């Protein structure tokens, strides 16, 4: 019995050591799992923050664009107002210099015209490319001089299929003559147009300019091909880059989206005119991060430099290679 006792004690000690080792192993495993879970939560939080930052950057860009549009429109309206004031002043001066009997005759004629033609339609000029605004303002002045109530120039930014030819839309049959007169005046200004009848109760006429309605001018002043940002292509590129932002936040789509961005940058690297913008943003087709933001900044810089041909190339590459 004396020999049995030590053996039992040793076995008991061994059992305790095994249990201690098992407890340590379990404790280490729990610690590792806890760290892994914490790391996963941290990475997910970082991705969510980055996604939110990207969304805010997109929103900020839209706000900047709207501010620029508002400033441009305000400047255009102020210019039209100043011209109207000058014309009114000249008209008053000329009217006051007439003999009293002639002045009274003209005033009576004006009153008759206002009574007999109170329903003259309002005319709205619609452009799909903001680079056409100056030329559209010129058409606005021409139509006003011919007696039309032009309400201004509106830049339509929602997705709209651009007409192949400038269209003069009238919504009431009794405005057909006015619409045809506008078509004639546009043709005299070198703009091919056609009248379009639409059934609606709206008392107005809308002139929708095609993207090539106004011939651009070369440096020597001669007519040249239309040069400007394609609104439809720009919108498609914006949509693609927004989809990239969402896809980069999804682990399952991140690698495929990164490869698409790399292919877009690689295509731009082969364009000599785009290389300096890539270098300025410090991005290349070998990068695996920062490509989407870099493309946004490049597009903004190119647009500020008014290099619309290059901007259209960049947008086309984003749309084609981003599918």
C-alpha atoms as a PDB file:
ATOM      1  CA  UNK A   1       0.000   0.000   0.000  1.00  0.00           C
ATOM      2  CA  UNK A   2       2.930   2.322   0.709  1.00  0.00           C
ATOM      3  CA  UNK A   3       4.057   2.043  -2.901  1.00  0.00           C
ATOM      4  CA  UNK A   4       0.589   2.515  -4.327  1.00  0.00           C
ATOM      5  CA  UNK A   5       0.125   5.860  -2.611  1.00  0.00           C
ATOM      6  CA  UNK A   6       2.915   7.808  -4.426  1.00  0.00           C
ATOM      7  CA  UNK A   7       1.774   6.483  -7.757  1.00  0.00           C
ATOM      8  CA  UNK A   8      -1.758   7.677  -7.177  1.00  0.00           C
ATOM      9  CA  UNK A   9      -0.453  11.052  -6.118  1.00  0.00           C
ATOM     10  CA  UNK A  10       1.731  11.384  -9.227  1.00  0.00           C
ATOM     11  CA  UNK A  11      -1.218  10.453 -11.408  1.00  0.00           C
ATOM     12  CA  UNK A  12      -3.302  13.074  -9.712  1.00  0.00           C
ATOM     13  CA  UNK A  13      -0.608  15.713 -10.341  1.00  0.00           C
ATOM     14  CA  UNK A  14      -0.384  14.694 -14.007  1.00  0.00           C
ATOM     15  CA  UNK A  15      -4.120  15.032 -14.322  1.00  0.00           C
ATOM     16  CA  UNK A  16      -4.007  18.538 -12.847  1.00  0.00           C
ATOM     17  CA  UNK A  17      -1.230  19.552 -15.249  1.00  0.00           C
ATOM     18  CA  UNK A  18      -3.221  18.248 -18.221  1.00  0.00           C
ATOM     19  CA  UNK A  19      -6.239  20.203 -17.097  1.00  0.00           C
ATOM     20  CA  UNK A  20      -4.097  23.316 -16.664  1.00  0.00           C
ATOM     21  CA  UNK A  21      -2.676  22.921 -20.178  1.00  0.00           C
ATOM     22  CA  UNK A  22      -6.167  22.453 -21.568  1.00  0.00           C
ATOM     23  CA  UNK A  23      -7.378  25.565 -19.767  1.00  0.00           C
ATOM     24  CA  UNK A  24      -4.424  27.558 -21.119  1.00  0.00           C
ATOM     25  CA  UNK A  25      -5.134  26.327 -24.652  1.00  0.00           C
ATOM     26  CA  UNK A  26      -8.803  27.272 -24.334  1.00  0.00           C
ATOM     27  CA  UNK A  27      -7.872  30.686 -22.943  1.00  0.00           C
ATOM     28  CA  UNK A  28      -5.429  31.323 -25.795  1.00  0.00           C
ATOM     29  CA  UNK A  29      -8.038  30.235 -28.373  1.00  0.00           C
ATOM     30  CA  UNK A  30     -10.628  32.550 -26.867  1.00  0.00           C
ATOM     31  CA  UNK A  31      -8.130  35.411 -26.915  1.00  0.00           C
ATOM     32  CA  UNK A  32      -7.252  34.765 -30.583  1.00  0.00           C
ATOM     33  CA  UNK A  33     -10.921  34.578 -31.589  1.00  0.00           C
ATOM     34  CA  UNK A  34     -11.652  37.788 -29.672  1.00  0.00           C
ATOM     35  CA  UNK A  35      -8.769  39.588 -31.410  1.00  0.00           C
ATOM     36  CA  UNK A  36      -9.907  38.287 -34.801  1.00  0.00           C
ATOM     37  CA  UNK A  37     -13.471  39.457 -34.200  1.00  0.00           C
ATOM     38  CA  UNK A  38     -12.282  42.851 -33.000  1.00  0.00           C
ATOM     39  CA  UNK A  39     -10.060  43.186 -36.080  1.00  0.00           C
ATOM     40  CA  UNK A  40     -12.964  42.284 -38.349  1.00  0.00           C
ATOM     41  CA  UNK A  41     -15.225  44.841 -36.681  1.00  0.00           C
ATOM     42  CA  UNK A  42     -12.485  47.469 -36.959  1.00  0.00           C
ATOM     43  CA  UNK A  43     -11.927  46.771 -40.682  1.00  0.00           C
ATOM     44  CA  UNK A  44     -15.654  46.879 -41.323  1.00  0.00           C
ATOM     45  CA  UNK A  45     -15.900  50.219 -39.484  1.00  0.00           C
ATOM     46  CA  UNK A  46     -12.975  51.619 -41.487  1.00  0.00           C
ATOM     47  CA  UNK A  47     -14.617  50.553 -44.765  1.00  0.00           C
ATOM     48  CA  UNK A  48     -17.899  52.118 -43.682  1.00  0.00           C
ATOM     49  CA  UNK A  49     -16.125  55.364 -42.812  1.00  0.00           C
ATOM     50  CA  UNK A  50     -14.293  55.394 -46.146  1.00  0.00           C
ATOM     51  CA  UNK A  51     -17.542  54.731 -47.983  1.00  0.00           C
ATOM     52  CA  UNK A  52     -19.200  57.599 -46.144  1.00  0.00           C
ATOM     53  CA  UNK A  53     -16.273  59.902 -46.937  1.00  0.00           C
ATOM     54  CA  UNK A  54     -16.533  59.001 -50.634  1.00  0.00           C
ATOM     55  CA  UNK A  55     -20.254  59.649 -50.623  1.00  0.00           C
ATOM     56  CA  UNK A  56     -19.731  63.032 -48.971  1.00  0.00           C
ATOM     57  CA  UNK A  57     -17.081  63.878 -51.582  1.00  0.00           C
ATOM     58  CA  UNK A  58     -19.537  63.074 -54.358  1.00  0.00           C
ATOM     59  CA  UNK A  59     -22.205  65.221 -52.682  1.00  0.00           C
ATOM     60  CA  UNK A  60     -19.705  68.062 -52.270  1.00  0.00           C
ATOM     61  CA  UNK A  61     -18.811  67.842 -55.947  1.00  0.00           C
ATOM     62  CA  UNK A  62     -22.493  68.063 -56.896  1.00  0.00           C
ATOM     63  CA  UNK A  63     -22.931  71.094 -54.633  1.00  0.00           C
ATOM     64  CA  UNK A  64     -19.931  72.779 -56.277  1.00  0.00           C
ATOM     65  CA  UNK A  65     -21.349  72.114 -59.737  1.00  0.00           C
ATOM     66  CA  UNK A  66     -24.754  73.503 -58.732  1.00  0.00           C
ATOM     67  CA  UNK A  67     -23.098  76.610 -57.288  1.00  0.00           C
ATOM     68  CA  UNK A  68     -21.196  77.191 -60.540  1.00  0.00           C
ATOM     69  CA  UNK A  69     -24.407  76.726 -62.530  1.00  0.00           C
ATOM     70  CA  UNK A  70     -26.241  79.173 -60.275  1.00  0.00           C
ATOM     71  CA  UNK A  71     -23.462  81.760 -60.612  1.00  0.00           C
ATOM     72  CA  UNK A  72     -23.452  81.355 -64.395  1.00  0.00           C
ATOM     73  CA  UNK A  73     -27.214  81.691 -64.592  1.00  0.00           C
ATOM     74  CA  UNK A  74     -27.179  84.736 -62.309  1.00  0.00           C
ATOM     75  CA  UNK A  75     -24.542  86.406 -64.483  1.00  0.00           C
ATOM     76  CA  UNK A  76     -26.600  85.654 -67.594  1.00  0.00           C
ATOM     77  CA  UNK A  77     -29.794  87.028 -66.029  1.00  0.00           C
ATOM     78  CA  UNK A  78     -27.967  90.151 -64.850  1.00  0.00           C
ATOM     79  CA  UNK A  79     -26.611  90.703 -68.356  1.00  0.00           C
ATOM     80  CA  UNK A  80     -30.083  90.290 -69.853  1.00  0.00           C
ATOM     81  CA  UNK A  81     -31.485  92.690 -67.259  1.00  0.00           C
ATOM     82  CA  UNK A  82     -28.858  95.332 -68.060  1.00  0.00           C
ATOM     83  CA  UNK A  83     -29.578  95.002 -71.783  1.00  0.00           C
ATOM     84  CA  UNK A  84     -33.315  95.331 -71.114  1.00  0.00           C
ATOM     85  CA  UNK A  85     -32.752  98.472 -69.029  1.00  0.00           C
ATOM     86  CA  UNK A  86     -30.573  99.983 -71.756  1.00  0.00           C
ATOM     87  CA  UNK A  87     -33.145  99.202 -74.450  1.00  0.00           C
ATOM     88  CA  UNK A  88     -35.935 100.679 -72.331  1.00  0.00           C
ATOM     89  CA  UNK A  89     -33.909 103.824 -71.715  1.00  0.00           C
ATOM     90  CA  UNK A  90     -33.173 104.198 -75.418  1.00  0.00           C
ATOM     91  CA  UNK A  91     -36.833 103.620 -76.248  1.00  0.00           C
ATOM     92  CA  UNK A  92     -37.954 106.266 -73.739  1.00  0.00           C
ATOM     93  CA  UNK A  93     -35.362 108.724 -75.048  1.00  0.00           C
ATOM     94  CA  UNK A  94     -36.369 108.140 -78.668  1.00  0.00           C
ATOM     95  CA  UNK A  95     -40.073 108.367 -77.785  1.00  0.00           C
ATOM     96  CA  UNK A  96     -39.607 111.632 -75.893  1.00  0.00           C
ATOM     97  CA  UNK A  97     -37.775 113.190 -78.846  1.00  0.00           C
ATOM     98  CA  UNK A  98     -40.735 112.569 -81.180  1.00  0.00           C
ATOM     99  CA  UNK A  99     -43.316 115.274 -81.837  1.00  0.00           C
ATOM    100  CA  UNK A 100     -46.262 115.028 -79.391  1.00  0.00           C
ATOM    101  CA  UNK A 101     -48.746 113.931 -82.080  1.00  0.00           C
ATOM    102  CA  UNK A 102     -46.417 111.194 -83.381  1.00  0.00           C
ATOM    103  CA  UNK A 103     -45.653 109.993 -79.865  1.00  0.00           C
ATOM    104  CA  UNK A 104     -49.380 109.752 -79.053  1.00  0.00           C
ATOM    105  CA  UNK A 105     -49.980 107.767 -82.269  1.00  0.00           C
ATOM    106  CA  UNK A 106     -47.291 105.221 -81.405  1.00  0.00           C
ATOM    107  CA  UNK A 107     -48.611 104.793 -77.859  1.00  0.00           C
ATOM    108  CA  UNK A 108     -52.117 104.147 -79.168  1.00  0.00           C
ATOM    109  CA  UNK A 109     -50.798 101.525 -81.619  1.00  0.00           C
ATOM    110  CA  UNK A 110     -48.907  99.783 -78.808  1.00  0.00           C
ATOM    111  CA  UNK A 111     -52.061  99.678 -76.703  1.00  0.00           C
ATOM    112  CA  UNK A 112     -54.018  98.098 -79.576  1.00  0.00           C
ATOM    113  CA  UNK A 113     -51.337  95.455 -80.099  1.00  0.00           C
ATOM    114  CA  UNK A 114     -51.372  94.544 -76.407  1.00  0.00           C
ATOM    115  CA  UNK A 115     -55.164  94.189 -76.413  1.00  0.00           C
ATOM    116  CA  UNK A 116     -55.381  92.128 -79.608  1.00  0.00           C
ATOM    117  CA  UNK A 117     -52.457  89.791 -78.852  1.00  0.00           C
ATOM    118  CA  UNK A 118     -52.460  89.134 -75.080  1.00  0.00           C
ATOM    119  CA  UNK A 119     -51.842  85.411 -75.472  1.00  0.00           C
ATOM    120  CA  UNK A 120     -48.406  85.562 -77.053  1.00  0.00           C
ATOM    121  CA  UNK A 121     -46.611  82.349 -75.993  1.00  0.00           C
ATOM    122  CA  UNK A 122     -43.637  82.375 -73.688  1.00  0.00           C
ATOM    123  CA  UNK A 123     -40.509  80.862 -75.225  1.00  0.00           C
ATOM    124  CA  UNK A 124     -38.047  78.723 -73.264  1.00  0.00           C
ATOM    125  CA  UNK A 125     -34.613  77.843 -74.625  1.00  0.00           C
ATOM    126  CA  UNK A 126     -33.288  74.427 -73.517  1.00  0.00           C
ATOM    127  CA  UNK A 127     -29.636  73.377 -73.807  1.00  0.00           C
ATOM    128  CA  UNK A 128     -28.103  70.004 -72.894  1.00  0.00           C
ATOM    129  CA  UNK A 129     -24.538  71.343 -72.789  1.00  0.00           C
ATOM    130  CA  UNK A 130     -23.748  74.395 -70.659  1.00  0.00           C
ATOM    131  CA  UNK A 131     -20.999  75.391 -73.112  1.00  0.00           C
ATOM    132  CA  UNK A 132     -23.802  76.428 -75.477  1.00  0.00           C
ATOM    133  CA  UNK A 133     -25.109  79.072 -73.066  1.00  0.00           C
ATOM    134  CA  UNK A 134     -23.385  82.096 -74.638  1.00  0.00           C
ATOM    135  CA  UNK A 135     -24.600  81.183 -78.134  1.00  0.00           C
ATOM    136  CA  UNK A 136     -28.092  80.395 -76.830  1.00  0.00           C
ATOM    137  CA  UNK A 137     -28.155  83.825 -75.158  1.00  0.00           C
ATOM    138  CA  UNK A 138     -27.407  85.326 -78.570  1.00  0.00           C
ATOM    139  CA  UNK A 139     -30.403  83.481 -80.029  1.00  0.00           C
ATOM    140  CA  UNK A 140     -32.479  84.706 -77.080  1.00  0.00           C
ATOM    141  CA  UNK A 141     -31.650  88.317 -77.916  1.00  0.00           C
ATOM    142  CA  UNK A 142     -32.470  87.752 -81.595  1.00  0.00           C
ATOM    143  CA  UNK A 143     -35.886  86.252 -80.759  1.00  0.00           C
ATOM    144  CA  UNK A 144     -36.658  89.085 -78.352  1.00  0.00           C
ATOM    145  CA  UNK A 145     -35.866  91.628 -81.044  1.00  0.00           C
ATOM    146  CA  UNK A 146     -38.435  89.840 -83.196  1.00  0.00           C
ATOM    147  CA  UNK A 147     -41.151  90.199 -80.578  1.00  0.00           C
ATOM    148  CA  UNK A 148     -40.981  86.861 -78.737  1.00  0.00           C
ATOM    149  CA  UNK A 149     -41.279  86.607 -74.953  1.00  0.00           C
ATOM    150  CA  UNK A 150     -38.119  84.614 -74.253  1.00  0.00           C
ATOM    151  CA  UNK A 151     -37.938  83.507 -70.610  1.00  0.00           C
ATOM    152  CA  UNK A 152     -34.242  82.638 -70.576  1.00  0.00           C
ATOM    153  CA  UNK A 153     -31.886  79.737 -71.205  1.00  0.00           C
ATOM    154  CA  UNK A 154     -32.205  76.553 -69.134  1.00  0.00           C
ATOM    155  CA  UNK A 155     -29.498  73.890 -68.837  1.00  0.00           C
ATOM    156  CA  UNK A 156     -31.320  70.528 -68.692  1.00  0.00           C
ATOM    157  CA  UNK A 157     -29.171  68.078 -66.697  1.00  0.00           C
ATOM    158  CA  UNK A 158     -31.546  65.161 -66.199  1.00  0.00           C
ATOM    159  CA  UNK A 159     -30.976  62.189 -68.553  1.00  0.00           C
ATOM    160  CA  UNK A 160     -32.541  63.273 -71.857  1.00  0.00           C
ATOM    161  CA  UNK A 161     -32.012  61.830 -75.323  1.00  0.00           C
ATOM    162  CA  UNK A 162     -30.442  64.672 -77.289  1.00  0.00           C
ATOM    163  CA  UNK A 163     -32.379  65.514 -80.485  1.00  0.00           C
ATOM    164  CA  UNK A 164     -30.471  64.931 -83.722  1.00  0.00           C
ATOM    165  CA  UNK A 165     -31.768  68.281 -84.923  1.00  0.00           C
ATOM    166  CA  UNK A 166     -32.857  71.366 -83.007  1.00  0.00           C
ATOM    167  CA  UNK A 167     -36.575  71.152 -82.246  1.00  0.00           C
ATOM    168  CA  UNK A 168     -39.120  73.937 -81.727  1.00  0.00           C
ATOM    169  CA  UNK A 169     -41.875  72.319 -79.651  1.00  0.00           C
ATOM    170  CA  UNK A 170     -45.291  73.947 -79.409  1.00  0.00           C
ATOM    171  CA  UNK A 171     -48.078  72.593 -77.218  1.00  0.00           C
ATOM    172  CA  UNK A 172     -51.128  74.344 -78.672  1.00  0.00           C
ATOM    173  CA  UNK A 173     -52.225  74.275 -82.308  1.00  0.00           C
ATOM    174  CA  UNK A 174     -52.765  78.044 -82.384  1.00  0.00           C
ATOM    175  CA  UNK A 175     -49.010  78.486 -81.734  1.00  0.00           C
ATOM    176  CA  UNK A 176     -48.014  76.685 -84.935  1.00  0.00           C
ATOM    177  CA  UNK A 177     -47.361  79.958 -86.808  1.00  0.00           C
ATOM    178  CA  UNK A 178     -45.153  81.312 -84.007  1.00  0.00           C
ATOM    179  CA  UNK A 179     -43.214  78.041 -83.897  1.00  0.00           C
ATOM    180  CA  UNK A 180     -42.655  78.122 -87.657  1.00  0.00           C
ATOM    181  CA  UNK A 181     -41.502  81.730 -87.452  1.00  0.00           C
ATOM    182  CA  UNK A 182     -38.922  80.704 -84.821  1.00  0.00           C
ATOM    183  CA  UNK A 183     -37.771  77.850 -87.118  1.00  0.00           C
ATOM    184  CA  UNK A 184     -37.294  80.380 -89.933  1.00  0.00           C
ATOM    185  CA  UNK A 185     -35.342  82.770 -87.688  1.00  0.00           C
ATOM    186  CA  UNK A 186     -33.116  79.926 -86.470  1.00  0.00           C
ATOM    187  CA  UNK A 187     -32.357  78.853 -90.034  1.00  0.00           C
ATOM    188  CA  UNK A 188     -31.454  82.426 -90.883  1.00  0.00           C
ATOM    189  CA  UNK A 189     -28.974  82.227 -87.986  1.00  0.00           C
ATOM    190  CA  UNK A 190     -27.436  79.049 -89.408  1.00  0.00           C
ATOM    191  CA  UNK A 191     -29.242  76.582 -87.116  1.00  0.00           C
ATOM    192  CA  UNK A 192     -31.168  73.771 -88.770  1.00  0.00           C
ATOM    193  CA  UNK A 193     -34.425  73.287 -86.880  1.00  0.00           C
ATOM    194  CA  UNK A 194     -37.844  71.707 -87.182  1.00  0.00           C
ATOM    195  CA  UNK A 195     -41.178  72.392 -85.497  1.00  0.00           C
ATOM    196  CA  UNK A 196     -42.769  69.638 -83.407  1.00  0.00           C
ATOM    197  CA  UNK A 197     -46.407  69.630 -82.314  1.00  0.00           C
ATOM    198  CA  UNK A 198     -47.219  68.176 -78.885  1.00  0.00           C
ATOM    199  CA  UNK A 199     -50.641  67.843 -77.339  1.00  0.00           C
ATOM    200  CA  UNK A 200     -50.739  69.701 -74.014  1.00  0.00           C
ATOM    201  CA  UNK A 201     -52.491  72.617 -72.416  1.00  0.00           C
ATOM    202  CA  UNK A 202     -49.213  74.385 -71.697  1.00  0.00           C
ATOM    203  CA  UNK A 203     -49.169  77.862 -73.208  1.00  0.00           C
ATOM    204  CA  UNK A 204     -45.541  77.993 -74.245  1.00  0.00           C
ATOM    205  CA  UNK A 205     -42.982  77.109 -76.900  1.00  0.00           C
ATOM    206  CA  UNK A 206     -39.751  75.266 -76.112  1.00  0.00           C
ATOM    207  CA  UNK A 207     -36.620  75.348 -78.281  1.00  0.00           C
ATOM    208  CA  UNK A 208     -34.451  72.264 -77.663  1.00  0.00           C
ATOM    209  CA  UNK A 209     -30.989  72.746 -79.155  1.00  0.00           C
ATOM    210  CA  UNK A 210     -29.145  69.694 -80.469  1.00  0.00           C
ATOM    211  CA  UNK A 211     -25.586  69.140 -79.215  1.00  0.00           C
ATOM    212  CA  UNK A 212     -24.177  70.289 -82.578  1.00  0.00           C
ATOM    213  CA  UNK A 213     -26.623  73.179 -83.079  1.00  0.00           C
ATOM    214  CA  UNK A 214     -23.920  75.823 -82.739  1.00  0.00           C
ATOM    215  CA  UNK A 215     -20.710  75.436 -84.752  1.00  0.00           C
ATOM    216  CA  UNK A 216     -17.710  76.056 -82.509  1.00  0.00           C
ATOM    217  CA  UNK A 217     -15.076  78.531 -83.570  1.00  0.00           C
ATOM    218  CA  UNK A 218     -11.445  77.873 -84.330  1.00  0.00           C
ATOM    219  CA  UNK A 219      -8.761  80.192 -83.036  1.00  0.00           C
ATOM    220  CA  UNK A 220      -8.799  82.187 -86.286  1.00  0.00           C
ATOM    221  CA  UNK A 221     -12.558  82.720 -85.969  1.00  0.00           C
ATOM    222  CA  UNK A 222     -13.585  80.271 -88.677  1.00  0.00           C
ATOM    223  CA  UNK A 223     -16.317  77.749 -87.947  1.00  0.00           C
ATOM    224  CA  UNK A 224     -15.056  74.455 -86.627  1.00  0.00           C
ATOM    225  CA  UNK A 225     -16.447  71.224 -85.190  1.00  0.00           C
ATOM    226  CA  UNK A 226     -18.513  71.392 -82.026  1.00  0.00           C
ATOM    227  CA  UNK A 227     -16.260  71.302 -78.997  1.00  0.00           C
ATOM    228  CA  UNK A 228     -17.593  70.793 -75.496  1.00  0.00           C
ATOM    229  CA  UNK A 229     -18.369  68.376 -72.716  1.00  0.00           C
ATOM    230  CA  UNK A 230     -20.893  65.713 -73.641  1.00  0.00           C
ATOM    231  CA  UNK A 231     -23.541  65.969 -70.923  1.00  0.00           C
ATOM    232  CA  UNK A 232     -24.865  62.448 -71.497  1.00  0.00           C
ATOM    233  CA  UNK A 233     -21.397  60.909 -71.450  1.00  0.00           C
ATOM    234  CA  UNK A 234     -20.460  62.852 -68.320  1.00  0.00           C
ATOM    235  CA  UNK A 235     -23.609  61.617 -66.560  1.00  0.00           C
ATOM    236  CA  UNK A 236     -22.823  57.998 -67.537  1.00  0.00           C
ATOM    237  CA  UNK A 237     -19.265  58.377 -66.173  1.00  0.00           C
ATOM    238  CA  UNK A 238     -20.612  59.837 -62.919  1.00  0.00           C
ATOM    239  CA  UNK A 239     -22.942  56.868 -62.537  1.00  0.00           C
ATOM    240  CA  UNK A 240     -20.117  54.407 -63.210  1.00  0.00           C
ATOM    241  CA  UNK A 241     -17.811  56.007 -60.645  1.00  0.00           C
ATOM    242  CA  UNK A 242     -20.612  55.995 -58.080  1.00  0.00           C
ATOM    243  CA  UNK A 243     -21.145  52.265 -58.726  1.00  0.00           C
ATOM    244  CA  UNK A 244     -17.396  51.779 -58.226  1.00  0.00           C
ATOM    245  CA  UNK A 245     -17.651  53.479 -54.835  1.00  0.00           C
ATOM    246  CA  UNK A 246     -20.336  51.046 -53.718  1.00  0.00           C
ATOM    247  CA  UNK A 247     -18.570  48.012 -55.183  1.00  0.00           C
ATOM    248  CA  UNK A 248     -15.292  48.858 -53.440  1.00  0.00           C
ATOM    249  CA  UNK A 249     -17.153  48.660 -50.150  1.00  0.00           C
ATOM    250  CA  UNK A 250     -18.207  45.084 -50.862  1.00  0.00           C
ATOM    251  CA  UNK A 251     -15.416  42.537 -50.193  1.00  0.00           C
ATOM    252  CA  UNK A 252     -16.746  40.182 -52.872  1.00  0.00           C
ATOM    253  CA  UNK A 253     -16.552  42.886 -55.588  1.00  0.00           C
ATOM    254  CA  UNK A 254     -13.513  44.849 -54.458  1.00  0.00           C
ATOM    255  CA  UNK A 255     -10.847  42.972 -56.468  1.00  0.00           C
ATOM    256  CA  UNK A 256     -12.841  42.975 -59.712  1.00  0.00           C
ATOM    257  CA  UNK A 257     -13.630  46.696 -59.326  1.00  0.00           C
ATOM    258  CA  UNK A 258      -9.991  47.522 -58.620  1.00  0.00           C
ATOM    259  CA  UNK A 259      -8.972  45.721 -61.830  1.00  0.00           C
ATOM    260  CA  UNK A 260     -11.499  47.786 -63.803  1.00  0.00           C
ATOM    261  CA  UNK A 261     -10.081  50.990 -62.338  1.00  0.00           C
ATOM    262  CA  UNK A 262      -6.557  49.830 -63.178  1.00  0.00           C
ATOM    263  CA  UNK A 263      -7.591  49.134 -66.784  1.00  0.00           C
ATOM    264  CA  UNK A 264      -9.105  52.632 -67.076  1.00  0.00           C
ATOM    265  CA  UNK A 265      -5.928  54.264 -65.758  1.00  0.00           C
ATOM    266  CA  UNK A 266      -3.823  52.031 -68.058  1.00  0.00           C
ATOM    267  CA  UNK A 267      -5.835  53.274 -71.055  1.00  0.00           C
ATOM    268  CA  UNK A 268      -5.235  56.892 -70.009  1.00  0.00           C
ATOM    269  CA  UNK A 269      -1.512  56.208 -69.603  1.00  0.00           C
ATOM    270  CA  UNK A 270      -1.410  55.532 -73.342  1.00  0.00           C
ATOM    271  CA  UNK A 271      -2.830  58.984 -74.060  1.00  0.00           C
ATOM    272  CA  UNK A 272      -0.084  61.615 -74.115  1.00  0.00           C
ATOM    273  CA  UNK A 273      -2.451  64.441 -73.227  1.00  0.00           C
ATOM    274  CA  UNK A 274      -3.614  62.629 -70.065  1.00  0.00           C
ATOM    275  CA  UNK A 275      -0.198  61.658 -68.675  1.00  0.00           C
ATOM    276  CA  UNK A 276       0.531  64.949 -66.906  1.00  0.00           C
ATOM    277  CA  UNK A 277      -2.827  64.804 -65.101  1.00  0.00           C
ATOM    278  CA  UNK A 278      -2.083  61.247 -63.938  1.00  0.00           C
ATOM    279  CA  UNK A 279       1.306  62.345 -62.643  1.00  0.00           C
ATOM    280  CA  UNK A 280      -0.211  65.364 -60.908  1.00  0.00           C
ATOM    281  CA  UNK A 281      -2.552  63.020 -58.989  1.00  0.00           C
ATOM    282  CA  UNK A 282       0.235  60.517 -58.374  1.00  0.00           C
ATOM    283  CA  UNK A 283      -1.694  57.470 -59.606  1.00  0.00           C
ATOM    284  CA  UNK A 284      -0.769  54.659 -61.980  1.00  0.00           C
ATOM    285  CA  UNK A 285      -2.276  51.428 -63.246  1.00  0.00           C
ATOM    286  CA  UNK A 286      -0.150  49.504 -60.707  1.00  0.00           C
ATOM    287  CA  UNK A 287      -1.899  51.096 -57.736  1.00  0.00           C
ATOM    288  CA  UNK A 288      -4.550  49.160 -55.842  1.00  0.00           C
ATOM    289  CA  UNK A 289      -6.106  52.063 -53.954  1.00  0.00           C
ATOM    290  CA  UNK A 290      -6.934  55.719 -54.515  1.00  0.00           C
ATOM    291  CA  UNK A 291      -7.720  55.210 -58.203  1.00  0.00           C
ATOM    292  CA  UNK A 292     -11.370  56.233 -58.061  1.00  0.00           C
ATOM    293  CA  UNK A 293     -10.692  59.455 -56.163  1.00  0.00           C
ATOM    294  CA  UNK A 294      -7.779  60.146 -58.505  1.00  0.00           C
ATOM    295  CA  UNK A 295     -10.041  59.860 -61.544  1.00  0.00           C
ATOM    296  CA  UNK A 296     -12.540  62.253 -59.973  1.00  0.00           C
ATOM    297  CA  UNK A 297      -9.795  64.817 -59.363  1.00  0.00           C
ATOM    298  CA  UNK A 298      -8.390  64.370 -62.889  1.00  0.00           C
ATOM    299  CA  UNK A 299     -11.806  64.961 -64.451  1.00  0.00           C
ATOM    300  CA  UNK A 300     -12.236  68.125 -62.380  1.00  0.00           C
ATOM    301  CA  UNK A 301      -8.784  69.438 -63.373  1.00  0.00           C
ATOM    302  CA  UNK A 302      -9.322  68.704 -67.069  1.00  0.00           C
ATOM    303  CA  UNK A 303     -12.726  70.411 -66.982  1.00  0.00           C
ATOM    304  CA  UNK A 304     -11.258  73.474 -65.252  1.00  0.00           C
ATOM    305  CA  UNK A 305      -8.644  73.629 -68.027  1.00  0.00           C
ATOM    306  CA  UNK A 306     -11.548  73.462 -70.546  1.00  0.00           C
ATOM    307  CA  UNK A 307      -9.952  70.550 -72.383  1.00  0.00           C
ATOM    308  CA  UNK A 308     -13.278  69.028 -73.299  1.00  0.00           C
ATOM    309  CA  UNK A 309     -11.941  66.671 -75.954  1.00  0.00           C
ATOM    310  CA  UNK A 310      -9.721  65.018 -73.341  1.00  0.00           C
ATOM    311  CA  UNK A 311     -12.557  65.078 -70.793  1.00  0.00           C
ATOM    312  CA  UNK A 312     -14.801  63.217 -73.223  1.00  0.00           C
ATOM    313  CA  UNK A 313     -12.019  60.652 -73.803  1.00  0.00           C
ATOM    314  CA  UNK A 314     -11.667  60.077 -70.062  1.00  0.00           C
ATOM    315  CA  UNK A 315     -15.424  59.740 -69.590  1.00  0.00           C
ATOM    316  CA  UNK A 316     -15.644  57.328 -72.537  1.00  0.00           C
ATOM    317  CA  UNK A 317     -12.871  55.157 -71.073  1.00  0.00           C
ATOM    318  CA  UNK A 318     -14.648  55.090 -67.693  1.00  0.00           C
ATOM    319  CA  UNK A 319     -17.934  54.038 -69.293  1.00  0.00           C
ATOM    320  CA  UNK A 320     -16.465  51.482 -71.718  1.00  0.00           C
ATOM    321  CA  UNK A 321     -14.001  49.811 -69.334  1.00  0.00           C
ATOM    322  CA  UNK A 322     -16.220  50.130 -66.279  1.00  0.00           C
ATOM    323  CA  UNK A 323     -18.866  47.721 -67.587  1.00  0.00           C
END
